[in-house]
N, C-alpha and C. Protein backbone atom coordinates (compact mmCIF):
# COMPACT_ATOMS: atom_id res chain seq x y z
N MET A 1 0.99 -0.91 0.15
CA MET A 1 0.02 0.18 -0.26
C MET A 1 1.13 1.12 -0.13
N PRO A 2 0.68 2.03 -0.94
CA PRO A 2 1.49 3.39 -0.95
C PRO A 2 1.51 4.10 0.08
N ASP A 3 2.43 4.89 0.46
CA ASP A 3 2.18 5.92 1.50
C ASP A 3 1.44 7.00 0.87
N ALA A 4 0.51 7.49 2.20
CA ALA A 4 -0.21 8.76 1.89
C ALA A 4 0.86 9.93 1.89
N PRO A 5 0.70 11.10 0.94
CA PRO A 5 1.68 12.23 0.58
C PRO A 5 1.76 12.59 2.29
N ARG A 6 2.89 13.23 2.83
CA ARG A 6 2.84 14.02 4.36
C ARG A 6 2.53 15.15 3.85
N ARG A 7 1.73 15.67 4.86
CA ARG A 7 1.13 17.19 5.05
C ARG A 7 2.19 17.83 5.58
N ILE A 8 2.33 19.07 5.11
CA ILE A 8 3.64 19.72 5.23
C ILE A 8 3.03 20.77 6.83
N ARG A 9 3.68 20.96 7.72
CA ARG A 9 3.14 21.34 9.03
C ARG A 9 3.05 22.88 8.82
N ARG A 10 2.10 23.34 9.43
CA ARG A 10 1.85 24.68 9.64
C ARG A 10 3.12 25.61 9.69
N ASP A 11 4.24 25.48 10.82
CA ASP A 11 5.24 26.33 10.97
C ASP A 11 6.23 26.04 9.78
N ALA A 12 6.45 24.96 9.15
CA ALA A 12 6.92 24.98 7.89
C ALA A 12 6.80 25.91 6.63
N LEU A 13 5.31 25.79 6.54
CA LEU A 13 4.70 27.07 5.37
C LEU A 13 4.96 28.06 6.02
N GLU A 14 5.01 28.41 7.35
CA GLU A 14 5.06 29.82 7.89
C GLU A 14 6.98 30.12 7.84
N ASN A 15 7.46 29.15 7.99
CA ASN A 15 9.05 29.23 7.74
C ASN A 15 9.47 29.67 6.25
N ARG A 16 8.46 28.73 5.34
CA ARG A 16 8.95 29.01 3.99
C ARG A 16 8.39 30.27 3.19
N ALA A 17 7.59 30.57 3.84
CA ALA A 17 6.57 32.39 3.63
C ALA A 17 7.44 33.07 3.80
N ARG A 18 7.99 33.38 5.12
CA ARG A 18 9.04 34.32 5.74
C ARG A 18 10.38 34.22 4.95
N LEU A 19 10.81 32.96 4.72
CA LEU A 19 11.70 33.22 3.93
C LEU A 19 12.02 33.68 2.59
N LEU A 20 10.82 33.49 1.40
CA LEU A 20 10.56 33.88 0.39
C LEU A 20 10.46 35.56 0.52
N GLU A 21 9.84 36.23 1.39
CA GLU A 21 9.70 37.71 1.73
C GLU A 21 11.20 38.30 1.85
N VAL A 22 11.92 37.72 2.81
CA VAL A 22 13.42 38.11 3.13
C VAL A 22 14.04 38.00 1.74
N ALA A 23 14.01 36.91 1.28
CA ALA A 23 14.67 36.73 0.30
C ALA A 23 14.46 37.65 -0.90
N ALA A 24 12.96 37.86 -1.39
CA ALA A 24 12.80 38.37 -2.42
C ALA A 24 13.30 40.14 -2.22
N ARG A 25 13.08 40.56 -0.99
CA ARG A 25 13.46 42.14 -0.66
C ARG A 25 15.22 41.95 -0.41
N THR A 26 15.71 40.99 0.09
CA THR A 26 17.45 41.11 0.10
C THR A 26 18.01 40.95 -1.15
N PHE A 27 17.30 40.03 -2.26
CA PHE A 27 17.93 40.07 -3.51
C PHE A 27 17.76 41.15 -4.19
N ALA A 28 16.56 41.79 -3.94
CA ALA A 28 16.24 43.27 -4.68
C ALA A 28 17.20 44.15 -4.46
N GLU A 29 17.70 44.39 -3.18
CA GLU A 29 18.49 45.48 -2.48
C GLU A 29 20.13 44.87 -2.71
N GLU A 30 20.52 43.88 -2.73
CA GLU A 30 21.84 43.25 -2.73
C GLU A 30 22.27 42.35 -3.84
N GLY A 31 21.18 41.77 -4.67
CA GLY A 31 21.57 41.08 -6.03
C GLY A 31 22.10 39.72 -5.51
N LEU A 32 23.06 39.52 -6.23
CA LEU A 32 23.77 38.19 -6.00
C LEU A 32 24.58 38.27 -4.64
N ASP A 33 24.98 39.38 -3.94
CA ASP A 33 25.80 39.55 -2.77
C ASP A 33 25.10 38.92 -1.70
N ALA A 34 24.00 38.83 -1.79
CA ALA A 34 22.87 38.34 -0.64
C ALA A 34 23.48 36.98 0.12
N ALA A 35 23.76 36.88 1.18
CA ALA A 35 24.20 35.92 1.74
C ALA A 35 23.13 34.90 2.26
N PRO A 36 22.71 33.47 1.76
CA PRO A 36 21.83 32.98 2.02
C PRO A 36 21.85 32.51 3.81
N ALA A 37 22.74 32.63 4.44
CA ALA A 37 22.92 32.49 5.99
C ALA A 37 22.34 33.67 6.82
N ALA A 38 22.67 35.00 6.01
CA ALA A 38 22.15 36.20 6.13
C ALA A 38 20.36 36.09 5.99
N ILE A 39 19.99 35.93 5.01
CA ILE A 39 18.65 35.51 4.68
C ILE A 39 17.72 34.79 5.72
N ALA A 40 18.28 33.71 5.87
CA ALA A 40 18.05 32.61 7.08
C ALA A 40 17.84 33.29 8.51
N LYS A 41 18.94 33.92 8.92
CA LYS A 41 18.84 34.78 10.06
C LYS A 41 17.90 35.92 10.40
N GLN A 42 17.73 36.56 8.95
CA GLN A 42 16.77 37.71 9.23
C GLN A 42 15.28 36.88 9.09
N ALA A 43 15.20 35.74 8.66
CA ALA A 43 13.85 34.94 8.61
C ALA A 43 13.45 34.34 9.63
N GLY A 44 14.32 34.43 10.70
CA GLY A 44 14.19 33.94 11.86
C GLY A 44 14.28 32.24 11.73
N VAL A 45 14.96 31.79 11.14
CA VAL A 45 15.24 30.38 10.84
C VAL A 45 16.70 29.92 10.68
N GLY A 46 17.09 28.80 10.77
CA GLY A 46 18.52 28.39 10.66
C GLY A 46 18.71 28.09 9.09
N VAL A 47 20.11 28.32 9.05
CA VAL A 47 20.54 28.11 7.50
C VAL A 47 19.86 26.57 7.04
N GLY A 48 19.97 25.85 7.62
CA GLY A 48 19.31 24.13 7.31
C GLY A 48 18.17 24.00 6.80
N THR A 49 17.29 24.78 7.67
CA THR A 49 15.65 25.43 7.06
C THR A 49 15.78 25.97 5.79
N LEU A 50 16.78 26.93 5.57
CA LEU A 50 16.83 27.56 4.12
C LEU A 50 16.92 26.43 2.83
N TYR A 51 18.16 25.81 3.74
CA TYR A 51 18.62 24.97 2.39
C TYR A 51 17.38 23.38 2.35
N ARG A 52 16.75 23.03 3.45
CA ARG A 52 15.62 22.19 3.21
C ARG A 52 14.85 22.38 2.18
N HIS A 53 14.62 23.83 2.12
CA HIS A 53 13.37 24.49 1.44
C HIS A 53 13.77 24.61 0.03
N PHE A 54 15.10 25.30 -0.18
CA PHE A 54 15.57 25.91 -1.25
C PHE A 54 16.99 25.46 -1.32
N PRO A 55 17.25 23.98 -2.03
CA PRO A 55 18.70 23.52 -2.02
C PRO A 55 19.55 24.52 -2.41
N THR A 56 19.36 25.25 -3.35
CA THR A 56 20.16 25.82 -4.18
C THR A 56 19.84 27.87 -4.28
N ARG A 57 20.79 28.58 -4.05
CA ARG A 57 20.72 30.01 -4.12
C ARG A 57 19.75 29.91 -5.62
N GLU A 58 20.00 29.65 -6.56
CA GLU A 58 19.13 29.76 -7.87
C GLU A 58 17.63 29.22 -7.37
N ALA A 59 17.38 28.23 -6.87
CA ALA A 59 16.08 27.67 -6.08
C ALA A 59 15.47 28.69 -5.63
N LEU A 60 16.00 29.33 -4.46
CA LEU A 60 15.65 30.49 -3.77
C LEU A 60 15.21 31.91 -4.24
N ILE A 61 16.32 32.22 -5.21
CA ILE A 61 15.70 33.31 -6.33
C ILE A 61 14.60 32.90 -7.14
N ASP A 62 14.70 31.77 -7.83
CA ASP A 62 13.28 31.56 -8.57
C ASP A 62 11.90 31.50 -7.54
N ALA A 63 11.94 31.05 -6.28
CA ALA A 63 10.89 30.81 -5.81
C ALA A 63 10.48 32.01 -5.05
N ALA A 64 11.31 33.16 -4.76
CA ALA A 64 11.10 34.41 -4.09
C ALA A 64 10.64 35.10 -5.34
N TYR A 65 10.93 34.92 -6.74
CA TYR A 65 10.46 35.98 -7.61
C TYR A 65 9.21 35.58 -7.93
N ARG A 66 8.51 34.02 -8.07
CA ARG A 66 7.33 33.57 -8.36
C ARG A 66 6.82 34.11 -7.30
N HIS A 67 6.94 33.92 -6.26
CA HIS A 67 6.22 33.95 -4.87
C HIS A 67 5.43 35.52 -5.03
N GLN A 68 6.46 36.60 -5.29
CA GLN A 68 6.20 37.83 -5.25
C GLN A 68 4.96 38.06 -6.67
N LEU A 69 5.37 37.59 -7.48
CA LEU A 69 4.53 37.59 -8.67
C LEU A 69 3.28 36.96 -8.57
N ALA A 70 3.22 35.96 -7.79
CA ALA A 70 1.90 35.42 -7.35
C ALA A 70 0.70 36.25 -6.29
N LEU A 71 1.66 36.97 -5.24
CA LEU A 71 1.34 38.12 -4.46
C LEU A 71 0.36 39.23 -5.43
N VAL A 72 1.12 39.62 -6.33
CA VAL A 72 0.61 40.68 -6.98
C VAL A 72 -0.85 40.08 -7.72
N CYS A 73 -0.55 39.24 -8.41
CA CYS A 73 -1.56 38.86 -9.26
C CYS A 73 -2.82 38.26 -8.39
N GLU A 74 -2.65 37.64 -7.34
CA GLU A 74 -3.88 37.22 -6.27
C GLU A 74 -4.22 38.46 -5.75
N GLN A 75 -3.84 39.82 -6.13
CA GLN A 75 -4.57 40.89 -5.48
C GLN A 75 -5.82 41.18 -6.43
N ALA A 76 -5.76 40.77 -7.55
CA ALA A 76 -7.15 41.08 -8.67
C ALA A 76 -8.53 40.59 -8.08
N PRO A 77 -8.70 39.31 -7.62
CA PRO A 77 -10.20 39.13 -6.93
C PRO A 77 -10.43 39.99 -5.86
N THR A 78 -9.56 40.17 -5.16
CA THR A 78 -9.32 41.07 -3.87
C THR A 78 -9.93 42.31 -4.16
N LEU A 79 -8.99 43.11 -4.91
CA LEU A 79 -9.68 44.44 -5.24
C LEU A 79 -10.81 44.60 -5.97
N LEU A 80 -11.25 43.40 -6.71
CA LEU A 80 -12.40 43.67 -7.39
C LEU A 80 -14.03 43.27 -6.25
N ALA A 81 -13.41 42.60 -5.29
CA ALA A 81 -14.61 42.46 -4.30
C ALA A 81 -14.53 43.95 -3.39
N GLN A 82 -13.54 44.79 -3.48
CA GLN A 82 -13.51 45.92 -2.46
C GLN A 82 -13.83 47.34 -3.37
N HIS A 83 -13.97 46.99 -4.75
CA HIS A 83 -13.94 48.57 -5.68
C HIS A 83 -14.44 47.93 -6.82
N PRO A 84 -15.34 48.93 -7.49
CA PRO A 84 -15.80 48.75 -9.03
C PRO A 84 -14.52 48.63 -9.87
N ALA A 85 -14.45 47.62 -10.97
CA ALA A 85 -13.28 47.19 -11.72
C ALA A 85 -12.38 48.39 -12.03
N GLY A 86 -12.71 49.35 -12.30
CA GLY A 86 -12.13 50.35 -13.38
C GLY A 86 -10.99 51.15 -11.81
N GLN A 87 -11.56 50.99 -10.66
CA GLN A 87 -10.80 51.69 -9.28
C GLN A 87 -9.90 50.45 -9.26
N ALA A 88 -10.57 48.96 -9.33
CA ALA A 88 -9.80 47.84 -8.90
C ALA A 88 -8.54 47.82 -9.41
N LEU A 89 -8.59 48.03 -11.10
CA LEU A 89 -7.37 48.43 -11.89
C LEU A 89 -6.46 48.92 -11.78
N ARG A 90 -6.81 50.34 -11.11
CA ARG A 90 -5.93 51.59 -10.93
C ARG A 90 -5.22 51.07 -9.84
N GLU A 91 -5.88 50.45 -8.76
CA GLU A 91 -5.00 50.07 -7.66
C GLU A 91 -4.20 48.82 -7.82
N TRP A 92 -4.70 47.80 -8.95
CA TRP A 92 -3.60 46.64 -9.20
C TRP A 92 -2.72 47.46 -9.86
N LEU A 93 -2.48 48.36 -10.75
CA LEU A 93 -1.65 48.72 -11.55
C LEU A 93 -0.82 49.66 -10.62
N THR A 94 -0.99 50.15 -9.53
CA THR A 94 -0.36 50.70 -8.41
C THR A 94 0.55 49.76 -7.69
N HIS A 95 -0.07 48.71 -7.41
CA HIS A 95 0.72 47.57 -6.79
C HIS A 95 1.63 46.85 -7.48
N PHE A 96 1.02 46.41 -8.85
CA PHE A 96 2.01 45.98 -10.07
C PHE A 96 3.33 47.02 -10.18
N LEU A 97 3.29 48.14 -10.45
CA LEU A 97 4.33 49.35 -10.18
C LEU A 97 4.94 49.32 -9.28
N GLY A 98 4.58 48.83 -7.95
CA GLY A 98 5.38 48.88 -6.50
C GLY A 98 6.39 47.51 -6.49
N TYR A 99 5.55 46.50 -7.45
CA TYR A 99 6.19 45.22 -7.44
C TYR A 99 7.60 45.13 -8.49
N VAL A 100 7.28 46.13 -9.53
CA VAL A 100 8.30 45.79 -10.57
C VAL A 100 9.56 46.61 -10.19
N SER A 101 9.26 47.77 -9.50
CA SER A 101 10.44 48.65 -8.78
C SER A 101 11.08 48.09 -8.02
N ALA A 102 10.16 46.98 -7.14
CA ALA A 102 11.09 46.23 -6.32
C ALA A 102 12.15 45.13 -6.93
N LYS A 103 11.34 44.49 -7.83
CA LYS A 103 12.10 43.71 -8.39
C LYS A 103 13.22 43.98 -9.42
N HIS A 104 13.14 45.14 -9.88
CA HIS A 104 14.19 46.00 -10.53
C HIS A 104 15.53 45.14 -10.14
N GLY A 105 15.68 45.64 -8.66
CA GLY A 105 16.98 45.18 -8.30
C GLY A 105 17.46 43.53 -8.23
N MET A 106 16.67 42.60 -8.63
CA MET A 106 16.54 41.15 -8.56
C MET A 106 16.93 40.99 -9.99
N SER A 107 17.30 42.10 -10.95
CA SER A 107 17.41 41.23 -12.44
C SER A 107 18.70 40.65 -12.44
N GLU A 108 19.69 40.98 -11.74
CA GLU A 108 21.41 40.24 -11.44
C GLU A 108 20.98 38.53 -11.12
N ALA A 109 20.15 38.36 -9.96
CA ALA A 109 19.78 37.64 -9.28
C ALA A 109 18.98 36.70 -10.21
N LEU A 110 18.10 37.15 -11.17
CA LEU A 110 17.24 36.42 -11.94
C LEU A 110 18.28 35.72 -13.04
N ASN A 111 19.04 36.55 -13.71
CA ASN A 111 20.01 36.42 -14.57
C ASN A 111 20.68 35.45 -14.59
N ALA A 112 21.08 35.20 -12.91
CA ALA A 112 22.16 33.78 -12.64
C ALA A 112 21.08 32.44 -12.59
N VAL A 113 19.97 32.74 -12.45
CA VAL A 113 18.90 31.39 -12.32
C VAL A 113 18.63 31.33 -13.76
N ILE A 114 18.47 32.20 -14.59
CA ILE A 114 18.50 31.86 -16.00
C ILE A 114 19.68 31.31 -16.62
N ALA A 115 20.67 31.50 -16.06
CA ALA A 115 22.05 30.71 -16.69
C ALA A 115 21.98 29.69 -15.91
N SER A 116 21.67 29.31 -14.67
CA SER A 116 21.36 27.81 -14.29
C SER A 116 20.66 26.73 -15.24
N GLY A 117 20.03 27.50 -15.86
CA GLY A 117 18.93 26.38 -16.98
C GLY A 117 17.51 26.45 -16.52
N VAL A 118 17.00 27.42 -15.52
CA VAL A 118 15.67 27.45 -14.97
C VAL A 118 15.19 28.72 -15.82
N ASP A 119 13.94 28.69 -16.06
CA ASP A 119 13.28 30.03 -16.66
C ASP A 119 12.36 30.56 -15.85
N PRO A 120 12.56 31.51 -14.95
CA PRO A 120 11.62 31.99 -13.90
C PRO A 120 10.42 32.74 -14.28
N TYR A 121 10.45 32.95 -15.62
CA TYR A 121 9.09 33.62 -16.42
C TYR A 121 8.48 32.54 -17.00
N SER A 122 8.59 31.52 -16.88
CA SER A 122 8.04 30.54 -17.65
C SER A 122 6.52 30.41 -17.14
N ASP A 123 5.83 30.52 -15.97
CA ASP A 123 4.30 31.36 -15.67
C ASP A 123 4.01 32.41 -15.47
N SER A 124 4.92 33.36 -15.18
CA SER A 124 4.72 34.91 -15.17
C SER A 124 3.77 35.54 -16.34
N LYS A 125 3.67 34.90 -17.69
CA LYS A 125 2.94 35.80 -18.23
C LYS A 125 1.39 35.22 -18.03
N LYS A 126 1.04 33.78 -17.97
CA LYS A 126 -0.45 33.36 -17.68
C LYS A 126 -0.69 33.75 -16.45
N MET A 127 0.35 34.05 -15.33
CA MET A 127 -0.49 34.87 -14.22
C MET A 127 -0.92 35.88 -14.31
N LEU A 128 -0.13 36.78 -15.37
CA LEU A 128 -0.46 38.34 -15.15
C LEU A 128 -1.49 38.11 -16.18
N VAL A 129 -1.67 37.59 -17.55
CA VAL A 129 -2.83 37.25 -18.23
C VAL A 129 -4.16 37.15 -17.66
N ASP A 130 -4.19 36.12 -16.39
CA ASP A 130 -5.00 35.91 -15.71
C ASP A 130 -5.78 36.84 -15.10
N ALA A 131 -4.79 37.83 -14.36
CA ALA A 131 -5.08 38.77 -13.29
C ALA A 131 -5.77 39.79 -13.83
N VAL A 132 -5.24 40.39 -15.25
CA VAL A 132 -5.54 41.61 -15.95
C VAL A 132 -6.75 40.97 -16.56
N GLY A 133 -6.73 39.82 -16.97
CA GLY A 133 -8.16 39.39 -17.78
C GLY A 133 -9.06 39.37 -16.83
N GLU A 134 -9.09 39.03 -15.47
CA GLU A 134 -10.31 38.89 -14.39
C GLU A 134 -10.69 40.73 -14.58
N LEU A 135 -9.71 41.52 -14.13
CA LEU A 135 -9.83 42.99 -14.17
C LEU A 135 -10.98 43.43 -15.30
N LEU A 136 -10.31 43.48 -16.59
CA LEU A 136 -11.02 43.71 -17.63
C LEU A 136 -12.02 43.20 -17.86
N SER A 137 -12.64 41.98 -17.68
CA SER A 137 -13.87 41.31 -17.70
C SER A 137 -14.95 42.08 -16.67
N ALA A 138 -14.40 42.00 -15.39
CA ALA A 138 -15.03 42.79 -14.52
C ALA A 138 -15.82 44.19 -15.08
N GLY A 139 -14.67 44.75 -15.74
CA GLY A 139 -14.79 46.39 -16.22
C GLY A 139 -15.96 46.70 -17.18
N ALA A 140 -15.35 45.57 -18.53
CA ALA A 140 -16.61 45.26 -19.61
C ALA A 140 -17.87 45.19 -19.30
N GLU A 141 -18.11 44.13 -17.92
CA GLU A 141 -19.58 43.93 -17.44
C GLU A 141 -19.99 44.94 -16.75
N ASP A 142 -19.26 45.78 -16.02
CA ASP A 142 -19.95 46.73 -15.26
C ASP A 142 -19.80 48.23 -15.82
N GLY A 143 -19.24 48.44 -17.39
CA GLY A 143 -19.11 49.06 -18.09
C GLY A 143 -17.99 50.55 -17.60
N THR A 144 -17.26 50.08 -16.91
CA THR A 144 -16.30 50.59 -16.29
C THR A 144 -15.02 50.75 -17.42
N LEU A 145 -14.94 49.63 -17.86
CA LEU A 145 -13.52 49.60 -18.84
C LEU A 145 -14.02 48.85 -20.34
N ARG A 146 -13.34 49.15 -21.36
CA ARG A 146 -13.47 48.59 -22.70
C ARG A 146 -13.76 47.25 -22.54
N ALA A 147 -14.50 47.00 -23.55
CA ALA A 147 -14.67 45.28 -23.94
C ALA A 147 -13.45 44.77 -24.51
N ASP A 148 -13.25 45.85 -25.53
CA ASP A 148 -12.36 45.31 -26.94
C ASP A 148 -10.99 45.15 -26.83
N VAL A 149 -10.36 45.41 -25.32
CA VAL A 149 -8.83 45.49 -25.11
C VAL A 149 -8.79 44.16 -24.61
N SER A 150 -7.64 43.29 -24.85
CA SER A 150 -7.58 42.02 -24.73
C SER A 150 -6.21 42.36 -23.30
N ALA A 151 -6.25 41.33 -22.45
CA ALA A 151 -5.20 41.42 -21.66
C ALA A 151 -3.74 41.37 -22.27
N ASP A 152 -3.60 40.46 -23.25
CA ASP A 152 -1.88 40.65 -23.70
C ASP A 152 -1.65 42.17 -23.99
N ASP A 153 -2.80 42.89 -24.72
CA ASP A 153 -2.70 44.57 -25.21
C ASP A 153 -2.04 45.31 -23.78
N VAL A 154 -2.86 45.08 -23.21
CA VAL A 154 -2.83 45.65 -21.82
C VAL A 154 -1.21 45.50 -20.97
N LEU A 155 -1.04 44.03 -21.10
CA LEU A 155 0.39 43.76 -20.64
C LEU A 155 1.37 44.52 -21.27
N VAL A 156 1.17 44.53 -22.75
CA VAL A 156 2.10 45.20 -23.44
C VAL A 156 2.39 46.89 -22.83
N LEU A 157 1.09 47.27 -23.04
CA LEU A 157 1.03 48.66 -22.45
C LEU A 157 1.80 49.02 -21.02
N ILE A 158 1.54 48.09 -20.15
CA ILE A 158 1.88 48.26 -18.69
C ILE A 158 3.65 47.90 -18.86
N GLY A 159 3.84 46.95 -19.49
CA GLY A 159 5.25 46.78 -19.90
C GLY A 159 5.90 48.16 -19.93
N GLY A 160 5.69 49.17 -20.73
CA GLY A 160 6.20 50.46 -21.16
C GLY A 160 5.86 51.02 -20.03
N LEU A 161 4.81 51.21 -19.30
CA LEU A 161 4.31 51.79 -18.07
C LEU A 161 5.40 51.67 -17.14
N ALA A 162 5.64 50.25 -16.75
CA ALA A 162 6.50 49.82 -15.59
C ALA A 162 7.90 50.32 -16.03
N TYR A 163 8.45 50.04 -17.23
CA TYR A 163 9.69 50.68 -17.41
C TYR A 163 10.02 52.19 -17.12
N SER A 164 9.04 52.74 -17.67
CA SER A 164 8.93 54.48 -17.65
C SER A 164 9.03 54.81 -16.24
N ALA A 165 7.82 54.10 -15.32
CA ALA A 165 7.77 54.48 -13.72
C ALA A 165 9.18 54.21 -12.99
N GLN A 166 10.00 53.38 -13.91
CA GLN A 166 11.40 53.26 -12.70
C GLN A 166 12.31 54.50 -13.09
N HIS A 167 11.97 55.09 -13.88
CA HIS A 167 12.86 56.54 -14.54
C HIS A 167 11.87 57.77 -14.32
N CYS A 168 10.99 57.76 -13.20
CA CYS A 168 10.34 59.38 -12.83
C CYS A 168 9.56 59.11 -11.51
N GLU A 169 8.95 60.13 -11.28
CA GLU A 169 8.95 60.59 -9.59
C GLU A 169 7.41 59.71 -9.45
N LYS A 170 7.06 59.04 -7.86
CA LYS A 170 5.56 58.69 -7.93
C LYS A 170 4.68 59.50 -8.50
N PRO A 171 4.67 60.67 -8.39
CA PRO A 171 3.10 61.16 -8.65
C PRO A 171 3.22 61.65 -10.10
N GLN A 172 4.33 61.28 -11.10
CA GLN A 172 4.11 60.92 -12.47
C GLN A 172 3.88 59.70 -13.00
N ALA A 173 4.20 58.77 -11.95
CA ALA A 173 3.91 57.70 -12.24
C ALA A 173 2.26 57.28 -12.25
N GLN A 174 1.84 57.70 -11.13
CA GLN A 174 0.24 57.92 -10.97
C GLN A 174 -0.26 58.69 -12.10
N ARG A 175 0.27 59.57 -12.73
CA ARG A 175 -0.18 60.30 -14.07
C ARG A 175 -0.56 59.62 -15.21
N LEU A 176 0.80 58.67 -15.22
CA LEU A 176 0.79 57.80 -16.12
C LEU A 176 -0.40 56.26 -16.08
N ILE A 177 -0.32 55.87 -15.02
CA ILE A 177 -1.79 55.14 -14.55
C ILE A 177 -2.93 55.82 -14.92
N GLY A 178 -3.14 57.00 -14.85
CA GLY A 178 -4.46 57.73 -15.29
C GLY A 178 -4.37 57.77 -16.73
N LEU A 179 -3.50 58.25 -17.19
CA LEU A 179 -3.39 57.82 -18.69
C LEU A 179 -3.85 56.55 -19.66
N VAL A 180 -3.37 55.44 -19.04
CA VAL A 180 -3.48 53.97 -19.11
C VAL A 180 -5.00 54.09 -18.97
N LEU A 181 -5.44 54.23 -17.82
CA LEU A 181 -6.92 54.02 -17.39
C LEU A 181 -7.70 55.03 -18.70
N ALA A 182 -7.24 56.02 -18.48
CA ALA A 182 -8.29 56.76 -19.76
C ALA A 182 -8.10 56.09 -20.99
N ALA A 183 -7.20 55.34 -21.69
CA ALA A 183 -7.40 54.67 -22.88
C ALA A 183 -8.25 53.30 -22.55
N LEU A 184 -8.26 52.90 -21.46
CA LEU A 184 -8.93 51.68 -21.08
C LEU A 184 -10.60 51.83 -20.82
N THR A 185 -10.90 53.17 -20.61
CA THR A 185 -12.10 53.73 -20.17
C THR A 185 -12.80 53.54 -21.41
N PRO A 186 -14.33 53.39 -21.76
CA PRO A 186 -15.12 53.18 -23.02
C PRO A 186 -15.48 54.90 -23.06
């Protein structure tokens, strides 16, 4: 009789989540210079716990990147429950720009992951298309957003917005979000 899959203890899940939060922040700030032992210490766990969850630096970087992106994408339904779709999209775009600017410092670390043969971006587009698509569908349904725009089109548009926002002050970034929303309003 095959063994039943082991359930992961709640404290192990919490340790993993803390490691991912600390790792994402640390790699964004320090790039590849971030020491795994320091990440473990900041997360309040031993280095053995870090390596039990993430056997290599690249595995930790990849997991931290994917975790942060998932957190951004998971905001879409929460924001839709709290706001009309147009406002939810504005809030989501603001959150997305914050994520992109924090991830900007991770690019060196992500390049190391890619060099190791892992594609950290393999699921990114689907997660983003799903999140933006959910926001657009809700907006088309409630009349606050155009129904003739695809999630792919919006991702290309906000890719340029994300790049531009890294080179301008926050008030200008918010004005750029306003311009994007004006283009998406019927």
